């Protein structure tokens, strides 16, 4: 079923980007619990960056 772009549903690319952002933030949380500070910060920045790109 083809959904017109004006229907309010997000495109496949936006859904994939949101999914990757959530995965990156969950990974950052897990890395934070294990004590990997540098990796936590890097992965968290990637996740936040993906979320910011979706709003533009």
PDB file of N, CA and C in Angstrom:
ATOM      1  N   UNK A   1       0.838  -1.174   0.000  1.00  0.00           N
ATOM      2  CA  UNK A   1       0.000   0.000   0.000  1.00  0.00           C
ATOM      3  C   UNK A   1       0.886   1.240   0.000  1.00  0.00           C
ATOM      4  N   UNK A   2       0.674   2.109  -0.944  1.00  0.00           N
ATOM      5  CA  UNK A   2       1.456   3.333  -1.055  1.00  0.00           C
ATOM      6  C   UNK A   2       0.739   4.438  -0.292  1.00  0.00           C
ATOM      7  N   UNK A   3       1.475   5.090   0.602  1.00  0.00           N
ATOM      8  CA  UNK A   3       0.903   6.168   1.406  1.00  0.00           C
ATOM      9  C   UNK A   3       1.424   7.484   0.865  1.00  0.00           C
ATOM     10  N   UNK A   4       0.543   8.420   0.560  1.00  0.00           N
ATOM     11  CA  UNK A   4       1.020   9.716   0.065  1.00  0.00           C
ATOM     12  C   UNK A   4       1.820  10.453   1.135  1.00  0.00           C
ATOM     13  N   UNK A   5       2.820  11.253   0.727  1.00  0.00           N
ATOM     14  CA  UNK A   5       3.685  11.921   1.698  1.00  0.00           C
ATOM     15  C   UNK A   5       2.938  12.876   2.630  1.00  0.00           C
ATOM     16  N   UNK A   6       1.793  13.378   2.220  1.00  0.00           N
ATOM     17  CA  UNK A   6       1.079  14.356   3.035  1.00  0.00           C
ATOM     18  C   UNK A   6       0.205  13.708   4.106  1.00  0.00           C
ATOM     19  N   UNK A   7       0.249  12.390   4.235  1.00  0.00           N
ATOM     20  CA  UNK A   7      -0.637  11.711   5.175  1.00  0.00           C
ATOM     21  C   UNK A   7      -0.171  11.818   6.625  1.00  0.00           C
ATOM     22  N   UNK A   8       1.010  12.345   6.878  1.00  0.00           N
ATOM     23  CA  UNK A   8       1.486  12.503   8.244  1.00  0.00           C
ATOM     24  C   UNK A   8       2.317  11.345   8.756  1.00  0.00           C
ATOM     25  N   UNK A   9       2.432  10.255   8.009  1.00  0.00           N
ATOM     26  CA  UNK A   9       3.263   9.138   8.445  1.00  0.00           C
ATOM     27  C   UNK A   9       4.704   9.402   8.045  1.00  0.00           C
ATOM     28  N   UNK A  10       5.661   9.073   8.921  1.00  0.00           N
ATOM     29  CA  UNK A  10       7.065   9.327   8.586  1.00  0.00           C
ATOM     30  C   UNK A  10       7.550   8.393   7.472  1.00  0.00           C
ATOM     31  N   UNK A  11       8.505   8.890   6.701  1.00  0.00           N
ATOM     32  CA  UNK A  11       9.059   8.074   5.628  1.00  0.00           C
ATOM     33  C   UNK A  11       9.922   6.958   6.209  1.00  0.00           C
ATOM     34  N   UNK A  12      10.291   6.037   5.355  1.00  0.00           N
ATOM     35  CA  UNK A  12      11.115   4.904   5.793  1.00  0.00           C
ATOM     36  C   UNK A  12      12.464   5.397   6.310  1.00  0.00           C
ATOM     37  N   UNK A  13      13.041   6.370   5.628  1.00  0.00           N
ATOM     38  CA  UNK A  13      14.331   6.903   6.058  1.00  0.00           C
ATOM     39  C   UNK A  13      14.282   7.521   7.442  1.00  0.00           C
ATOM     40  N   UNK A  14      13.207   8.245   7.726  1.00  0.00           N
ATOM     41  CA  UNK A  14      13.057   8.875   9.038  1.00  0.00           C
ATOM     42  C   UNK A  14      12.878   7.814  10.112  1.00  0.00           C
ATOM     43  N   UNK A  15      12.103   6.773   9.800  1.00  0.00           N
ATOM     44  CA  UNK A  15      11.903   5.704  10.777  1.00  0.00           C
ATOM     45  C   UNK A  15      13.200   4.961  11.060  1.00  0.00           C
ATOM     46  N   UNK A  16      14.003   4.708  10.030  1.00  0.00           N
ATOM     47  CA  UNK A  16      15.289   4.023  10.220  1.00  0.00           C
ATOM     48  C   UNK A  16      16.235   4.902  11.032  1.00  0.00           C
ATOM     49  N   UNK A  17      16.249   6.198  10.729  1.00  0.00           N
ATOM     50  CA  UNK A  17      17.117   7.119  11.458  1.00  0.00           C
ATOM     51  C   UNK A  17      16.713   7.195  12.927  1.00  0.00           C
ATOM     52  N   UNK A  18      15.417   7.235  13.208  1.00  0.00           N
ATOM     53  CA  UNK A  18      14.938   7.259  14.592  1.00  0.00           C
ATOM     54  C   UNK A  18      15.315   5.967  15.306  1.00  0.00           C
ATOM     55  N   UNK A  19      15.189   4.852  14.600  1.00  0.00           N
ATOM     56  CA  UNK A  19      15.528   3.551  15.178  1.00  0.00           C
ATOM     57  C   UNK A  19      17.019   3.491  15.530  1.00  0.00           C
ATOM     58  N   UNK A  20      17.868   3.981  14.631  1.00  0.00           N
ATOM     59  CA  UNK A  20      19.310   3.995  14.897  1.00  0.00           C
ATOM     60  C   UNK A  20      19.657   4.928  16.053  1.00  0.00           C
ATOM     61  N   UNK A  21      18.966   6.062  16.141  1.00  0.00           N
ATOM     62  CA  UNK A  21      19.219   6.999  17.233  1.00  0.00           C
ATOM     63  C   UNK A  21      18.869   6.370  18.574  1.00  0.00           C
ATOM     64  N   UNK A  22      17.742   5.683  18.639  1.00  0.00           N
ATOM     65  CA  UNK A  22      17.338   5.033  19.889  1.00  0.00           C
ATOM     66  C   UNK A  22      18.327   3.936  20.251  1.00  0.00           C
ATOM     67  N   UNK A  23      18.765   3.164  19.261  1.00  0.00           N
ATOM     68  CA  UNK A  23      19.751   2.113  19.540  1.00  0.00           C
ATOM     69  C   UNK A  23      21.060   2.703  20.054  1.00  0.00           C
ATOM     70  N   UNK A  24      21.496   3.817  19.460  1.00  0.00           N
ATOM     71  CA  UNK A  24      22.738   4.450  19.906  1.00  0.00           C
ATOM     72  C   UNK A  24      22.604   4.951  21.336  1.00  0.00           C
ATOM     73  N   UNK A  25      21.456   5.526  21.680  1.00  0.00           N
ATOM     74  CA  UNK A  25      21.274   6.026  23.040  1.00  0.00           C
ATOM     75  C   UNK A  25      21.191   4.888  24.057  1.00  0.00           C
ATOM     76  N   UNK A  26      20.570   3.781  23.684  1.00  0.00           N
ATOM     77  CA  UNK A  26      20.527   2.616  24.581  1.00  0.00           C
ATOM     78  C   UNK A  26      21.929   2.047  24.760  1.00  0.00           C
ATOM     79  N   UNK A  27      22.697   1.986  23.669  1.00  0.00           N
ATOM     80  CA  UNK A  27      24.076   1.512  23.768  1.00  0.00           C
ATOM     81  C   UNK A  27      24.901   2.438  24.657  1.00  0.00           C
ATOM     82  N   UNK A  28      24.672   3.753  24.544  1.00  0.00           N
ATOM     83  CA  UNK A  28      25.383   4.703  25.405  1.00  0.00           C
ATOM     84  C   UNK A  28      25.039   4.463  26.868  1.00  0.00           C
ATOM     85  N   UNK A  29      23.783   4.166  27.140  1.00  0.00           N
ATOM     86  CA  UNK A  29      23.381   3.868  28.522  1.00  0.00           C
ATOM     87  C   UNK A  29      24.095   2.622  29.042  1.00  0.00           C
ATOM     88  N   UNK A  30      24.143   1.581  28.219  1.00  0.00           N
ATOM     89  CA  UNK A  30      24.816   0.348  28.636  1.00  0.00           C
ATOM     90  C   UNK A  30      26.316   0.562  28.820  1.00  0.00           C
ATOM     91  N   UNK A  31      26.919   1.335  27.918  1.00  0.00           N
ATOM     92  CA  UNK A  31      28.348   1.622  28.059  1.00  0.00           C
ATOM     93  C   UNK A  31      28.609   2.451  29.308  1.00  0.00           C
ATOM     94  N   UNK A  32      27.699   3.355  29.625  1.00  0.00           N
ATOM     95  CA  UNK A  32      27.845   4.155  30.837  1.00  0.00           C
ATOM     96  C   UNK A  32      27.800   3.299  32.085  1.00  0.00           C
ATOM     97  N   UNK A  33      26.955   2.281  32.065  1.00  0.00           N
ATOM     98  CA  UNK A  33      26.867   1.386  33.219  1.00  0.00           C
ATOM     99  C   UNK A  33      28.133   0.560  33.394  1.00  0.00           C
ATOM    100  N   UNK A  34      28.824   0.271  32.286  1.00  0.00           N
ATOM    101  CA  UNK A  34      30.046  -0.522  32.382  1.00  0.00           C
ATOM    102  C   UNK A  34      31.272   0.326  32.696  1.00  0.00           C
ATOM    103  N   UNK A  35      31.144   1.650  32.631  1.00  0.00           N
ATOM    104  CA  UNK A  35      32.253   2.521  32.991  1.00  0.00           C
ATOM    105  C   UNK A  35      33.099   2.994  31.828  1.00  0.00           C
ATOM    106  N   UNK A  36      32.691   2.724  30.610  1.00  0.00           N
ATOM    107  CA  UNK A  36      33.439   3.179  29.432  1.00  0.00           C
ATOM    108  C   UNK A  36      33.040   4.619  29.109  1.00  0.00           C
ATOM    109  N   UNK A  37      33.733   5.573  29.712  1.00  0.00           N
ATOM    110  CA  UNK A  37      33.318   6.973  29.633  1.00  0.00           C
ATOM    111  C   UNK A  37      33.475   7.537  28.223  1.00  0.00           C
ATOM    112  N   UNK A  38      34.614   7.331  27.595  1.00  0.00           N
ATOM    113  CA  UNK A  38      34.857   7.913  26.279  1.00  0.00           C
ATOM    114  C   UNK A  38      33.893   7.350  25.242  1.00  0.00           C
ATOM    115  N   UNK A  39      33.718   6.034  25.235  1.00  0.00           N
ATOM    116  CA  UNK A  39      32.776   5.433  24.291  1.00  0.00           C
ATOM    117  C   UNK A  39      31.349   5.880  24.570  1.00  0.00           C
ATOM    118  N   UNK A  40      31.004   6.053  25.835  1.00  0.00           N
ATOM    119  CA  UNK A  40      29.664   6.517  26.194  1.00  0.00           C
ATOM    120  C   UNK A  40      29.400   7.889  25.599  1.00  0.00           C
ATOM    121  N   UNK A  41      30.348   8.787  25.749  1.00  0.00           N
ATOM    122  CA  UNK A  41      30.184  10.144  25.231  1.00  0.00           C
ATOM    123  C   UNK A  41      30.086  10.127  23.712  1.00  0.00           C
ATOM    124  N   UNK A  42      30.933   9.355  23.050  1.00  0.00           N
ATOM    125  CA  UNK A  42      30.912   9.311  21.587  1.00  0.00           C
ATOM    126  C   UNK A  42      29.600   8.743  21.056  1.00  0.00           C
ATOM    127  N   UNK A  43      29.146   7.641  21.627  1.00  0.00           N
ATOM    128  CA  UNK A  43      27.907   7.017  21.159  1.00  0.00           C
ATOM    129  C   UNK A  43      26.711   7.909  21.483  1.00  0.00           C
ATOM    130  N   UNK A  44      26.749   8.579  22.626  1.00  0.00           N
ATOM    131  CA  UNK A  44      25.660   9.477  22.983  1.00  0.00           C
ATOM    132  C   UNK A  44      25.594  10.655  22.008  1.00  0.00           C
ATOM    133  N   UNK A  45      26.732  11.180  21.614  1.00  0.00           N
ATOM    134  CA  UNK A  45      26.751  12.272  20.643  1.00  0.00           C
ATOM    135  C   UNK A  45      26.215  11.829  19.287  1.00  0.00           C
ATOM    136  N   UNK A  46      26.521  10.601  18.890  1.00  0.00           N
ATOM    137  CA  UNK A  46      25.980  10.070  17.635  1.00  0.00           C
ATOM    138  C   UNK A  46      24.464   9.971  17.718  1.00  0.00           C
ATOM    139  N   UNK A  47      23.957   9.443  18.815  1.00  0.00           N
ATOM    140  CA  UNK A  47      22.513   9.312  18.983  1.00  0.00           C
ATOM    141  C   UNK A  47      21.810  10.652  18.980  1.00  0.00           C
ATOM    142  N   UNK A  48      22.357  11.612  19.702  1.00  0.00           N
ATOM    143  CA  UNK A  48      21.757  12.948  19.738  1.00  0.00           C
ATOM    144  C   UNK A  48      21.855  13.610  18.369  1.00  0.00           C
ATOM    145  N   UNK A  49      22.977  13.406  17.687  1.00  0.00           N
ATOM    146  CA  UNK A  49      23.119  13.960  16.340  1.00  0.00           C
ATOM    147  C   UNK A  49      22.078  13.417  15.382  1.00  0.00           C
ATOM    148  N   UNK A  50      21.794  12.131  15.464  1.00  0.00           N
ATOM    149  CA  UNK A  50      20.759  11.552  14.605  1.00  0.00           C
ATOM    150  C   UNK A  50      19.384  12.124  14.933  1.00  0.00           C
ATOM    151  N   UNK A  51      19.109  12.346  16.205  1.00  0.00           N
ATOM    152  CA  UNK A  51      17.825  12.937  16.582  1.00  0.00           C
ATOM    153  C   UNK A  51      17.714  14.379  16.099  1.00  0.00           C
ATOM    154  N   UNK A  52      18.807  15.124  16.163  1.00  0.00           N
ATOM    155  CA  UNK A  52      18.789  16.517  15.708  1.00  0.00           C
ATOM    156  C   UNK A  52      18.601  16.578  14.197  1.00  0.00           C
ATOM    157  N   UNK A  53      19.209  15.658  13.465  1.00  0.00           N
ATOM    158  CA  UNK A  53      19.048  15.645  12.012  1.00  0.00           C
ATOM    159  C   UNK A  53      17.604  15.398  11.602  1.00  0.00           C
ATOM    160  N   UNK A  54      16.857  14.649  12.413  1.00  0.00           N
ATOM    161  CA  UNK A  54      15.461  14.369  12.080  1.00  0.00           C
ATOM    162  C   UNK A  54      14.605  15.619  12.184  1.00  0.00           C
ATOM    163  N   UNK A  55      14.955  16.556  13.052  1.00  0.00           N
ATOM    164  CA  UNK A  55      14.127  17.739  13.252  1.00  0.00           C
ATOM    165  C   UNK A  55      14.337  18.783  12.170  1.00  0.00           C
ATOM    166  N   UNK A  56      15.396  18.681  11.406  1.00  0.00           N
ATOM    167  CA  UNK A  56      15.664  19.676  10.356  1.00  0.00           C
ATOM    168  C   UNK A  56      14.890  19.378   9.106  1.00  0.00           C
TER     169      UNK A  56
END
